């Protein structure tokens, strides 16, 4: 079964793609601001470490899905820059997640600061 509203030659297709892109951009901004706010939660308490780690993994999953959706819908000239920044961000988040897993406060703070800078770059580059 095909759905006519999802076919590219359907009159409302561009509106639907634009709406999806706006939704992705909104969720990216929300996840980014939530990730930027966890800096104060980086404590030694074992319970907090687990929560922070789960939060980082959850938010990065949403970011990955929405950034992928956004990249597929932006103009060709923006795709390369967003893709490179996205790759840099997810590499940084992976390092942050590792630092949280080994519970190293100095390494976690360093990786968090690195990821925060990249998140801010991403926010500035977003359409």
Protein backbone atom coordinates (compact mmCIF):
# COMPACT_ATOMS: atom_id res chain seq x y z
CA UNK A 1 0.00 0.00 0.00
CA UNK A 2 1.30 3.44 -0.84
CA UNK A 3 0.35 6.66 0.82
CA UNK A 4 -0.14 9.51 -1.66
CA UNK A 5 0.97 12.18 0.80
CA UNK A 6 4.44 10.57 0.97
CA UNK A 7 4.98 10.46 -2.80
CA UNK A 8 7.39 13.12 -4.01
CA UNK A 9 5.13 14.33 -6.83
CA UNK A 10 2.20 14.83 -4.45
CA UNK A 11 1.26 18.53 -4.05
CA UNK A 12 1.70 18.51 -0.25
CA UNK A 13 5.02 16.63 -0.23
CA UNK A 14 7.22 19.72 0.13
CA UNK A 15 5.14 20.94 3.07
CA UNK A 16 5.46 17.56 4.77
CA UNK A 17 9.24 17.46 4.27
CA UNK A 18 9.50 21.02 5.59
CA UNK A 19 7.41 20.12 8.65
CA UNK A 20 9.59 17.06 9.35
CA UNK A 21 12.73 19.19 9.04
CA UNK A 22 11.34 21.78 11.44
CA UNK A 23 10.46 19.05 13.93
CA UNK A 24 13.96 17.57 13.66
CA UNK A 25 15.56 20.99 14.10
CA UNK A 26 13.41 21.66 17.17
CA UNK A 27 14.34 18.32 18.77
CA UNK A 28 18.03 18.88 17.95
CA UNK A 29 17.95 22.24 19.72
CA UNK A 30 16.12 20.74 22.70
CA UNK A 31 18.53 17.79 23.02
CA UNK A 32 21.53 20.09 22.61
CA UNK A 33 20.32 22.43 25.35
CA UNK A 34 19.62 19.46 27.64
CA UNK A 35 23.09 18.04 27.00
CA UNK A 36 24.62 21.45 27.64
CA UNK A 37 22.80 21.61 30.98
CA UNK A 38 24.19 18.33 32.37
CA UNK A 39 27.55 19.90 33.18
CA UNK A 40 26.44 20.53 36.75
CA UNK A 41 25.41 16.87 37.13
CA UNK A 42 28.92 15.50 36.64
CA UNK A 43 29.46 14.27 40.22
CA UNK A 44 31.11 11.36 41.98
CA UNK A 45 27.88 9.82 43.25
CA UNK A 46 27.42 6.40 41.60
CA UNK A 47 23.71 6.98 41.08
CA UNK A 48 24.38 10.26 39.28
CA UNK A 49 27.05 8.67 37.08
CA UNK A 50 24.55 6.08 35.86
CA UNK A 51 21.85 8.67 35.24
CA UNK A 52 24.21 10.99 33.38
CA UNK A 53 25.47 8.12 31.24
CA UNK A 54 21.94 7.03 30.34
CA UNK A 55 20.94 10.61 29.61
CA UNK A 56 23.94 11.13 27.32
CA UNK A 57 23.18 7.94 25.39
CA UNK A 58 19.47 8.76 25.07
CA UNK A 59 20.00 12.35 23.94
CA UNK A 60 22.73 11.36 21.49
CA UNK A 61 20.39 8.77 19.94
CA UNK A 62 17.73 11.43 19.37
CA UNK A 63 20.39 13.78 18.03
CA UNK A 64 21.65 11.14 15.62
CA UNK A 65 18.19 10.37 14.21
CA UNK A 66 17.14 14.00 13.91
CA UNK A 67 20.46 15.21 12.53
CA UNK A 68 20.34 12.48 9.90
CA UNK A 69 16.82 13.58 8.95
CA UNK A 70 17.87 17.22 8.84
CA UNK A 71 20.97 16.55 6.74
CA UNK A 72 18.91 14.64 4.19
CA UNK A 73 16.56 17.60 3.74
CA UNK A 74 18.95 20.58 3.64
CA UNK A 75 20.51 22.15 0.57
CA UNK A 76 23.54 20.44 -0.91
CA UNK A 77 25.93 23.21 0.18
CA UNK A 78 24.95 22.72 3.85
CA UNK A 79 25.09 18.91 3.83
CA UNK A 80 28.87 18.61 3.92
CA UNK A 81 29.33 21.06 6.79
CA UNK A 82 26.53 19.51 8.87
CA UNK A 83 27.79 15.98 8.16
CA UNK A 84 31.36 16.82 9.20
CA UNK A 85 30.20 18.59 12.35
CA UNK A 86 27.82 15.73 13.16
CA UNK A 87 30.63 13.18 12.81
CA UNK A 88 32.84 15.30 15.06
CA UNK A 89 30.02 15.64 17.60
CA UNK A 90 29.25 11.93 17.80
CA UNK A 91 32.91 11.04 18.14
CA UNK A 92 33.13 13.53 21.01
CA UNK A 93 29.95 12.20 22.64
CA UNK A 94 31.31 8.66 22.40
CA UNK A 95 34.47 9.78 24.21
CA UNK A 96 32.32 11.56 26.82
CA UNK A 97 30.27 8.41 27.33
CA UNK A 98 33.46 6.40 27.84
CA UNK A 99 34.74 8.92 30.39
CA UNK A 100 31.44 8.66 32.30
CA UNK A 101 31.58 4.85 32.21
CA UNK A 102 35.06 4.80 33.76
CA UNK A 103 33.95 7.52 36.22
CA UNK A 104 36.91 9.81 35.69
CA UNK A 105 35.89 13.30 36.78
CA UNK A 106 38.75 15.18 35.05
CA UNK A 107 38.35 13.22 31.81
CA UNK A 108 34.56 13.58 31.90
CA UNK A 109 34.79 17.33 32.41
CA UNK A 110 37.33 17.64 29.59
CA UNK A 111 35.23 15.56 27.18
CA UNK A 112 32.09 17.41 28.23
CA UNK A 113 33.71 20.77 27.49
CA UNK A 114 34.82 19.49 24.08
CA UNK A 115 31.33 18.18 23.26
CA UNK A 116 29.75 21.44 24.47
CA UNK A 117 31.85 23.50 22.05
CA UNK A 118 30.87 21.24 19.15
CA UNK A 119 27.18 21.38 20.16
CA UNK A 120 27.35 25.17 20.15
CA UNK A 121 28.98 25.09 16.69
CA UNK A 122 26.19 22.82 15.49
CA UNK A 123 23.53 25.16 16.86
CA UNK A 124 25.14 28.09 15.06
CA UNK A 125 25.29 26.17 11.77
CA UNK A 126 21.73 24.84 11.84
CA UNK A 127 19.26 26.26 9.33
